[in-house]
Protein backbone atom coordinates (compact mmCIF):
# COMPACT_ATOMS: atom_id res chain seq x y z
CA MET A 1 82.87 -72.37 137.24
CA LYS A 2 81.21 -71.95 133.80
CA ARG A 3 79.19 -75.03 134.66
CA LEU A 4 78.25 -72.48 138.06
CA SER A 5 77.27 -69.69 136.12
CA SER A 6 74.57 -71.84 133.43
CA PHE A 7 72.61 -73.23 136.46
CA PHE A 8 72.07 -70.48 138.19
CA VAL A 9 71.09 -68.86 134.39
CA SER A 10 68.47 -71.07 134.14
CA ILE A 11 67.03 -70.79 137.48
CA ALA A 12 66.80 -67.72 137.16
CA LEU A 13 64.14 -67.84 134.19
CA VAL A 14 62.75 -71.15 135.79
CA LEU A 15 61.68 -68.44 138.21
CA THR A 16 60.60 -65.81 135.81
CA LEU A 17 58.28 -68.09 134.06
CA ALA A 18 56.88 -69.69 138.12
CA ALA A 19 56.32 -65.25 138.59
CA CYS A 20 54.69 -64.71 135.36
CA VAL A 21 51.76 -67.43 135.84
CA ASN A 22 50.29 -68.42 132.35
CA PRO A 23 48.61 -65.29 131.25
CA ARG A 24 45.48 -66.74 129.09
CA GLU A 25 44.92 -69.01 132.97
CA GLU A 26 44.63 -65.01 135.18
CA PHE A 27 42.61 -63.99 131.98
CA ASP A 28 40.18 -67.15 132.18
CA GLU A 29 40.04 -67.01 136.02
CA LEU A 30 39.44 -63.56 135.88
CA VAL A 31 36.63 -64.08 132.82
CA LEU A 32 34.80 -66.50 135.44
CA LYS A 33 35.33 -64.74 139.29
CA ALA A 34 32.99 -61.73 137.04
CA GLU A 35 30.41 -64.29 135.69
CA GLU A 36 29.65 -65.72 139.24
CA SER A 37 29.54 -62.26 139.75
CA LEU A 38 26.96 -61.20 136.95
CA SER A 39 24.71 -63.61 138.42
CA LEU A 40 24.98 -63.02 141.79
CA GLY A 41 23.99 -59.87 140.88
CA ASP A 42 26.85 -58.56 141.58
CA PHE A 43 27.99 -55.94 139.81
CA GLU A 44 30.72 -53.72 140.81
CA LEU A 45 33.07 -56.94 141.82
CA ALA A 46 32.24 -58.25 138.51
CA LYS A 47 33.23 -54.82 136.35
CA ALA A 48 36.06 -55.10 138.50
CA TYR A 49 37.50 -57.92 137.39
CA MET A 50 36.72 -57.45 134.13
CA GLU A 51 38.75 -54.03 133.82
CA GLU A 52 42.39 -56.11 136.38
CA ALA A 53 41.11 -59.09 132.58
CA THR A 54 41.03 -56.44 130.24
CA LEU A 55 44.71 -55.46 132.00
CA ILE A 56 45.79 -58.60 131.05
CA LEU A 57 43.96 -59.18 127.68
CA PRO A 58 43.41 -55.76 126.02
CA ASP A 59 42.30 -57.07 122.71
CA SER A 60 39.73 -60.09 123.51
CA GLN A 61 36.28 -60.28 121.98
CA VAL A 62 35.83 -62.30 125.79
CA ALA A 63 36.31 -59.38 127.82
CA VAL A 64 34.25 -56.19 125.23
CA GLU A 65 30.79 -58.20 125.22
CA ILE A 66 30.91 -59.85 129.31
CA SER A 67 31.85 -56.03 129.79
CA SER A 68 28.50 -54.71 127.79
CA ARG A 69 27.20 -57.01 129.56
CA ILE A 70 28.08 -56.57 132.88
CA GLU A 71 26.95 -52.43 131.44
CA THR A 72 23.38 -52.89 130.48
CA GLU A 73 22.83 -55.00 133.87
CA MET A 74 24.05 -52.08 135.66
CA GLN A 75 21.79 -49.88 133.24
CA ASN A 76 19.05 -51.94 133.67
CA GLU A 77 19.37 -52.25 137.61
CA GLU A 78 19.44 -48.74 137.68
CA VAL A 79 15.79 -47.90 135.82
CA LEU A 80 14.39 -50.60 137.77
CA ALA A 81 15.44 -48.68 141.13
CA ARG A 82 14.17 -45.64 139.31
CA VAL A 83 11.05 -47.24 138.67
CA SER A 84 10.15 -48.53 141.75
CA ARG A 85 11.66 -45.17 143.57
CA LEU A 86 8.33 -43.78 141.08
CA VAL A 87 6.16 -45.85 141.87
CA LYS A 88 6.34 -45.75 145.99
CA SER A 89 5.72 -41.61 144.81
CA GLU A 90 2.53 -43.89 142.49
CA SER A 91 4.48 -41.50 139.44
CA TRP A 92 2.12 -44.53 137.62
CA THR A 93 2.53 -43.16 134.08
CA GLU A 94 6.31 -41.79 134.28
CA ALA A 95 6.59 -45.43 135.88
CA PHE A 96 5.66 -46.48 132.71
CA GLY A 97 7.75 -43.63 130.25
CA THR A 98 10.51 -45.22 131.97
CA LEU A 99 9.54 -48.98 130.90
CA PRO A 100 11.46 -48.05 127.14
CA GLU A 101 14.83 -47.80 129.06
CA LEU A 102 15.11 -51.25 129.79
CA ASP A 103 17.33 -53.67 127.94
CA SER A 104 15.06 -56.36 125.75
CA ASP A 105 16.07 -59.00 128.38
CA ALA A 106 12.91 -60.21 128.82
CA TYR A 107 13.39 -60.88 132.64
CA ARG A 108 14.20 -57.29 133.32
CA SER A 109 10.98 -55.93 131.45
CA GLN A 110 8.93 -59.17 133.30
CA GLU A 111 10.99 -58.40 137.09
CA ALA A 112 9.61 -54.00 136.35
CA ALA A 113 6.61 -55.33 135.26
CA GLU A 114 5.89 -57.82 138.02
CA LEU A 115 6.86 -54.25 140.24
CA LEU A 116 4.44 -52.22 138.41
CA LYS A 117 1.22 -54.97 139.42
CA ALA A 118 2.48 -55.56 142.30
CA ALA A 119 2.40 -51.90 143.96
CA PHE A 120 -0.43 -50.33 141.18
CA GLU A 121 -2.64 -53.45 142.71
CA LEU A 122 -1.70 -52.83 146.59
CA SER A 123 -2.32 -48.77 145.40
CA MET A 124 -5.70 -49.95 144.84
CA THR A 125 -6.80 -52.24 147.36
CA ARG A 126 -5.39 -49.72 149.45
CA TYR A 127 -7.61 -46.89 148.29
CA LEU A 128 -10.59 -49.00 148.62
CA GLU A 129 -10.97 -49.34 152.14
CA ALA A 130 -10.27 -46.10 152.10
CA PRO A 131 -11.63 -44.58 149.21
CA THR A 132 -11.81 -40.69 150.73
CA GLU A 133 -9.72 -39.17 148.00
CA THR A 134 -11.65 -38.39 144.34
CA GLU A 135 -9.09 -37.19 142.36
CA LEU A 136 -6.78 -40.78 143.17
CA GLY A 137 -9.69 -43.39 142.42
CA GLU A 138 -9.66 -41.69 138.76
CA SER A 139 -5.63 -41.62 138.37
CA LEU A 140 -5.39 -45.26 139.70
CA LEU A 141 -8.44 -45.62 136.95
CA ALA A 142 -7.05 -43.50 134.29
CA THR A 143 -3.86 -46.15 135.07
CA ILE A 144 -5.45 -49.12 134.26
CA PRO A 145 -5.04 -48.76 130.10
CA LEU A 146 -1.45 -48.12 130.39
CA PHE A 147 -0.92 -51.85 131.81
CA SER A 148 -3.73 -53.35 129.38
CA ASP A 149 -1.65 -51.72 126.66
CA ALA A 150 0.89 -52.64 128.31
CA GLY A 151 -0.30 -56.35 128.24
CA ILE A 152 -0.01 -57.10 132.03
CA THR A 153 -3.42 -57.64 133.43
CA ILE A 154 -4.70 -56.11 136.67
CA ASP A 155 -7.37 -57.77 138.96
CA SER A 156 -10.58 -57.70 137.74
CA ASP A 157 -11.89 -58.08 140.49
CA LEU A 158 -10.58 -54.92 141.93
CA SER A 159 -10.48 -52.86 138.87
CA ASP A 160 -14.39 -53.26 138.80
CA SER A 161 -14.82 -52.59 141.95
CA LEU A 162 -12.66 -49.49 141.65
CA TYR A 163 -14.98 -48.74 138.62
CA THR A 164 -17.56 -48.72 140.70
CA ASN A 165 -16.82 -46.80 143.64
CA SER A 166 -15.60 -44.07 140.53
CA VAL A 167 -18.73 -43.96 138.57
CA GLU A 168 -20.99 -43.39 142.73
CA GLN A 169 -18.59 -40.73 143.71
CA ALA A 170 -18.90 -39.21 140.41
CA ARG A 171 -22.66 -39.38 140.67
CA LEU A 172 -22.75 -37.37 143.81
CA ARG A 173 -20.35 -35.02 142.93
CA LEU A 174 -22.87 -34.26 139.88
CA SER A 175 -26.01 -34.64 142.49
CA ASP A 176 -24.24 -32.25 144.77
CA SER A 177 -23.86 -30.19 141.86
CA LEU A 178 -27.20 -29.99 140.55
CA GLU A 179 -28.58 -28.68 144.60
CA ALA A 180 -26.37 -26.01 143.51
CA GLY A 181 -27.90 -25.00 140.92
CA PRO A 182 -28.77 -25.63 136.79
CA GLU A 183 -25.79 -24.54 135.12
CA SER A 184 -23.67 -25.57 138.34
CA GLY A 185 -25.21 -28.44 137.00
CA ILE A 186 -24.67 -28.76 133.82
CA ASN A 187 -20.93 -27.54 134.05
CA GLN A 188 -19.59 -30.34 136.01
CA LEU A 189 -21.22 -32.99 134.06
CA ILE A 190 -19.19 -31.17 130.93
CA VAL A 191 -16.17 -31.79 133.45
CA GLU A 192 -17.59 -34.89 134.03
CA ILE A 193 -17.36 -36.31 130.75
CA SER A 194 -14.45 -34.27 129.42
CA LYS A 195 -12.54 -37.56 131.65
CA GLU A 196 -13.86 -39.70 129.79
CA LEU A 197 -13.32 -42.74 132.84
CA TYR A 198 -17.33 -43.44 132.66
CA LYS A 199 -19.59 -45.27 129.85
CA ALA A 200 -22.57 -42.91 129.16
CA GLU A 201 -24.96 -45.87 130.56
CA ASP A 202 -23.08 -45.32 134.47
CA LEU A 203 -23.77 -41.10 134.22
CA SER A 204 -27.23 -41.65 132.82
CA GLY A 205 -30.19 -41.22 135.29
CA ILE A 206 -28.48 -37.82 136.46
CA ALA A 207 -26.96 -36.52 133.67
CA GLN A 208 -31.26 -36.48 132.00
CA ALA A 209 -32.24 -34.55 135.25
CA ILE A 210 -29.45 -31.72 134.90
CA THR A 211 -29.96 -31.64 131.84
CA ASP A 212 -33.76 -31.17 131.82
CA ALA A 213 -32.45 -28.46 134.37
CA TYR A 214 -30.81 -26.79 132.08
CA GLU A 215 -32.68 -26.78 129.53
CA THR A 216 -35.43 -25.55 131.59
CA PHE A 217 -33.31 -22.27 132.98
CA VAL A 218 -31.97 -21.23 130.05
CA VAL A 219 -35.04 -21.56 127.75
CA ALA A 220 -36.70 -19.33 130.47
CA GLU A 221 -34.10 -17.24 131.26
CA SER A 222 -34.04 -16.56 127.15
CA LYS A 223 -38.16 -15.84 127.49
CA ALA A 224 -37.31 -13.69 130.43
CA LEU A 225 -34.52 -11.93 127.90
CA VAL A 226 -36.46 -10.68 125.22
CA LYS A 227 -39.59 -9.71 126.95
CA SER A 228 -37.06 -6.97 128.18
CA LYS A 229 -36.50 -6.08 124.47
CA ASP A 230 -32.65 -7.96 125.84
CA LEU A 231 -32.57 -10.39 122.08
CA SER A 232 -28.30 -9.54 122.52
CA ASP A 233 -28.48 -10.90 125.90
CA ALA A 234 -30.42 -13.52 125.06
CA GLN A 235 -28.30 -15.20 121.95
CA ASP A 236 -25.03 -14.80 123.83
CA LEU A 237 -26.88 -17.00 126.64
CA LEU A 238 -28.17 -19.12 123.88
CA ALA A 239 -25.10 -19.91 122.32
CA THR A 240 -23.62 -20.71 125.55
CA ALA A 241 -25.97 -23.23 126.24
CA ALA A 242 -25.19 -24.43 122.94
CA SER A 243 -21.74 -25.15 123.35
CA LYS A 244 -22.96 -27.17 126.60
CA ALA A 245 -25.57 -28.81 125.83
CA PRO A 246 -25.65 -29.81 121.86
CA ASN A 247 -28.38 -32.47 122.21
CA SER A 248 -31.07 -30.79 123.94
CA GLU A 249 -34.32 -29.82 121.68
CA ALA A 250 -35.11 -27.91 123.74
CA ILE A 251 -32.44 -25.22 123.42
CA LYS A 252 -32.43 -25.78 119.57
CA GLY A 253 -36.45 -25.13 119.23
CA GLU A 254 -35.62 -21.17 121.09
CA ARG A 255 -32.64 -20.71 119.08
CA ALA A 256 -34.82 -20.81 116.02
CA ARG A 257 -37.59 -18.46 117.88
CA LEU A 258 -35.24 -15.59 118.88
CA ALA A 259 -33.56 -16.22 115.26
CA GLU A 260 -36.85 -15.74 114.04
CA LEU A 261 -37.84 -12.17 116.39
CA VAL A 262 -33.59 -11.55 115.51
CA ARG A 263 -34.73 -11.43 111.72
CA ALA A 264 -38.17 -9.43 113.15
CA GLU A 265 -36.05 -6.87 114.73
CA GLN A 266 -34.07 -6.14 112.20
CA ALA A 267 -36.23 -5.53 109.32
CA ALA A 268 -37.98 -3.28 111.99
CA ILE A 269 -34.94 -1.16 112.42
CA LYS A 270 -33.87 -1.18 108.39
CA LYS A 271 -37.67 -0.09 107.92
CA ALA A 272 -37.38 2.62 110.41
CA GLU A 273 -34.12 4.06 109.36
CA GLU A 274 -34.84 3.95 106.00
CA GLU A 275 -37.72 6.32 107.08
CA ALA A 276 -36.29 8.42 109.02
CA LYS A 277 -34.15 8.72 105.78
CA LYS A 278 -36.77 9.94 103.91
CA ARG A 279 -37.68 12.52 106.61
CA ALA A 280 -34.62 13.78 106.77
CA VAL A 281 -34.23 14.85 102.80
CA ASN A 282 -38.01 15.79 103.35
CA ALA A 283 -37.19 18.10 105.85
CA MET A 284 -34.04 19.20 104.15
CA TYR A 285 -34.15 23.26 102.53
CA VAL A 286 -33.18 23.11 99.20
CA GLU A 287 -31.54 26.15 97.03
CA GLU A 288 -30.93 25.26 93.33
CA ASP A 289 -28.73 26.64 91.08
CA SER A 290 -30.09 25.92 87.90
CA PHE A 291 -27.14 27.78 86.06
CA ASN A 292 -24.77 25.42 87.89
CA ASP A 293 -26.65 22.56 88.26
CA MET A 294 -26.19 21.60 91.61
CA LYS A 295 -28.51 21.63 94.52
CA TRP A 296 -27.90 22.70 97.92
CA PHE A 297 -29.05 20.91 100.66
CA PHE A 298 -30.16 22.54 104.53
CA ASP A 299 -31.66 21.71 107.40
CA ARG A 300 -34.43 23.60 107.52
CA ALA A 301 -35.25 24.16 110.93
CA THR A 302 -31.87 25.92 111.59
CA TYR A 303 -31.25 27.39 108.11
CA SER A 304 -31.55 30.78 107.67
CA LYS A 305 -28.78 32.90 105.33
CA TYR A 306 -27.22 34.59 107.28
CA ALA A 307 -28.07 34.79 110.64
CA ALA A 308 -27.30 32.10 113.42
CA ASN A 309 -25.16 29.97 110.55
CA GLU A 310 -22.26 30.34 113.27
CA PHE A 311 -21.83 26.74 112.77
CA LEU A 312 -23.74 24.51 110.55
CA LEU A 313 -23.36 21.11 107.88
CA TYR A 314 -24.75 21.02 104.75
CA ILE A 315 -24.59 19.02 101.28
CA GLY A 316 -23.80 19.65 97.35
CA GLN A 317 -24.68 17.46 94.85
CA ARG A 318 -24.44 17.84 91.00
CA SER A 319 -27.43 16.05 89.24
CA SER A 320 -25.33 13.28 87.68
CA GLY A 321 -22.66 12.93 91.01
CA SER A 322 -22.79 11.71 93.91
CA PRO A 323 -23.10 13.92 97.49
CA TYR A 324 -20.83 15.73 99.22
CA LEU A 325 -20.74 18.03 102.13
CA ARG A 326 -19.43 20.83 103.56
CA MET A 327 -18.90 22.60 107.06
CA ARG A 328 -19.38 26.62 107.09
CA PHE A 329 -17.90 28.53 110.43
CA MET A 330 -19.59 31.97 110.73
CA LEU A 331 -19.76 35.35 111.67
CA TYR A 332 -22.22 37.15 111.53
CA ARG A 333 -22.37 40.89 113.00
CA ASP A 334 -22.70 44.47 113.84
CA ASN A 335 -19.09 45.21 113.45
CA TRP A 336 -15.25 43.11 111.83
CA HIS A 337 -13.54 41.19 114.09
CA PHE A 338 -10.97 39.16 111.68
CA PHE A 339 -10.38 36.05 112.34
CA GLU A 340 -7.31 33.12 111.44
CA THR A 341 -7.91 30.45 114.08
CA ILE A 342 -11.07 29.17 115.17
CA VAL A 343 -11.02 26.52 118.46
CA VAL A 344 -13.72 24.15 119.22
CA ASN A 345 -14.26 22.88 122.33
CA VAL A 346 -15.65 19.79 123.02
CA ASP A 347 -16.88 18.35 127.02
CA GLY A 348 -12.49 19.68 126.84
CA GLN A 349 -11.69 18.45 123.74
CA LYS A 350 -10.66 21.27 121.74
CA TYR A 351 -9.63 20.97 117.93
CA GLU A 352 -7.68 23.64 115.86
CA PHE A 353 -8.78 25.50 112.28
CA SER A 354 -6.53 28.40 110.97
CA PRO A 355 -8.12 28.76 107.22
CA GLY A 356 -5.07 30.69 104.97
CA TYR A 357 -6.16 34.47 104.85
CA ARG A 358 -7.67 34.16 101.26
CA GLU A 359 -9.75 31.10 101.97
CA ILE A 360 -11.64 33.30 105.01
CA ASP A 361 -14.63 35.79 103.01
CA ARG A 362 -15.31 38.70 104.58
CA ASP A 363 -18.40 41.23 103.03
CA ASN A 364 -21.14 43.88 104.02
CA ALA A 365 -24.23 44.88 103.34
CA GLY A 366 -27.21 46.64 105.45
CA GLY A 367 -24.91 47.94 108.06
CA LYS A 368 -24.26 43.85 108.78
CA VAL A 369 -20.62 42.09 107.98
CA TRP A 370 -20.07 38.06 108.22
CA GLU A 371 -16.79 36.36 108.44
CA SER A 372 -17.30 32.33 106.69
CA TYR A 373 -14.73 29.48 106.53
CA ASP A 374 -16.31 27.05 104.85
CA PHE A 375 -15.07 23.97 103.51
CA ASN A 376 -15.11 20.37 102.35
CA PRO A 377 -14.59 18.43 105.84
CA SER A 378 -12.30 15.82 106.72
CA THR A 379 -12.78 11.81 107.88
CA SER A 380 -11.70 13.92 110.84
CA ASN A 381 -14.02 17.08 111.20
CA LEU A 382 -16.83 15.14 110.42
CA LEU A 383 -15.95 12.94 113.58
CA MET A 384 -15.69 15.57 115.08
CA VAL A 385 -19.32 16.72 114.35
CA ARG A 386 -20.19 12.93 115.61
CA LYS A 387 -19.50 13.93 119.04
CA ILE A 388 -19.81 17.37 119.38
CA ILE A 389 -24.13 16.48 118.62
CA ASP A 390 -23.50 13.71 121.70
CA SER A 391 -21.52 16.13 123.75
CA ARG A 392 -22.99 17.73 126.30
CA GLU A 393 -21.09 21.40 125.53
CA THR A 394 -19.30 22.44 122.90
CA ARG A 395 -18.11 26.33 122.20
CA ILE A 396 -16.66 27.67 119.01
CA ARG A 397 -13.80 31.10 119.78
CA TYR A 398 -12.06 32.60 116.60
CA LEU A 399 -9.92 34.07 118.11
CA ASP A 400 -7.79 37.17 115.91
CA ASP A 401 -3.88 38.07 115.94
CA ASP A 402 -4.50 39.43 118.99
CA ASN A 403 -5.85 36.02 120.80
CA VAL A 404 -9.12 38.61 121.15
CA TYR A 405 -12.20 35.53 120.80
CA VAL A 406 -15.98 36.30 120.17
CA GLU A 407 -16.51 32.39 122.21
CA LYS A 408 -19.94 31.13 120.89
CA THR A 409 -21.86 27.72 122.02
CA VAL A 410 -23.74 25.56 120.16
CA SER A 411 -27.22 25.13 120.42
CA ALA A 412 -28.88 21.97 121.17
CA ALA A 413 -31.13 22.65 117.74
CA GLN A 414 -27.46 23.15 115.91
CA LYS A 415 -26.59 19.68 117.07
CA ARG A 416 -29.80 18.12 115.43
CA ALA A 417 -29.34 20.15 112.59
CA PHE A 418 -25.44 17.55 112.47
CA SER A 419 -27.72 14.86 112.43
CA ASN A 420 -30.12 15.17 110.60
CA VAL A 421 -27.78 16.58 107.42
CA LEU A 422 -25.78 13.33 107.78
CA LEU A 423 -28.96 11.32 107.91
CA ALA A 424 -30.21 13.22 104.75
CA PHE A 425 -27.23 12.46 103.90
CA GLU A 426 -26.28 8.61 103.67
CA ALA A 427 -29.95 8.82 101.75
CA LEU A 428 -28.86 10.68 98.89
CA GLY A 429 -26.67 8.25 98.86
CA GLY A 430 -23.14 9.36 100.29
CA ARG A 431 -20.53 8.24 101.76
CA GLU A 432 -18.97 9.69 104.33
């Protein structure tokens, strides 16, 4: 009985060992199947075999290396598929940008290069058979350097034919633009040059014709503007022209001629301004106060000790000092008004002055009374004066504390007086 029990234990052990085939052998068999699937390009199956093998020998370096190869090949396959899709859509730049994602495996890189080359040459052939889309032709032409940079040689006959065709298309565009006018021609020439696709000599004939037509147009237009005294517009025209045709000697010459005219005009304007300032000073009525070493300059045409001096600007200056401006509002009447507020309405824009009681001078003589507010004007006050000079209508209201007002209108003579005083002030060395 004891021998029988031992027999059954031995049988059970053998069966257990038989059921557990040698793990190494099973692992090697799975690795072999994985490598075979990998060589056939069935990456999913190869991956499944290696996952099973890894369960048997989790720490195997062989399993790690083969699994890594499978992952790399799967990534390469994905990149190639993406390259293929981009090629079909003729997205050449993107396709080239995708190539570095491939593993350094020479076979895969060569496969991608051949795929790109074949598809690109096919696109070139199709285009040359029916070259209707100019932009497509230029896009193909601009892509050729990408192949050269990648060490891929494109069929030279196709490349030469594409270049010749593109040059012809460019020349036609330039001819059509020239027919539309010199400016249209030069603008199109700038566009073609900026593409950097064509050799200068291949466009030289039509380019020269466009440049000649453009410079002839510009010089004639400039002379017409000069004749009509529009020197600023002529300068703008020539500055633009020089940027478009920087090598044109005719445009350079016209710019030099215009510069001389501008300098002469500026000199004449400056001379006229200086003469106007001198006249303005000579036209001033001058009151001298030797006791206080003061001179007061008033516009001679509107000056009066009292009458008509409702609103004026005048200049004060010591012999050793700079001139300064004074502004005066005055009412000269038969009876008192006792104004407290002054409102100046310049074409609808209102300016208000509220002098203090002690700032208003009130006096009387010979049956007449006068009330005046005299002060140093601020920058904003002088801005108001300049607006008055250019205004259609300016009215002044002097309001008392009951809002009863006396209204005066600034005359054309007063406006001229303001202008003359400001000019004389500048001539005397004053600054606002």
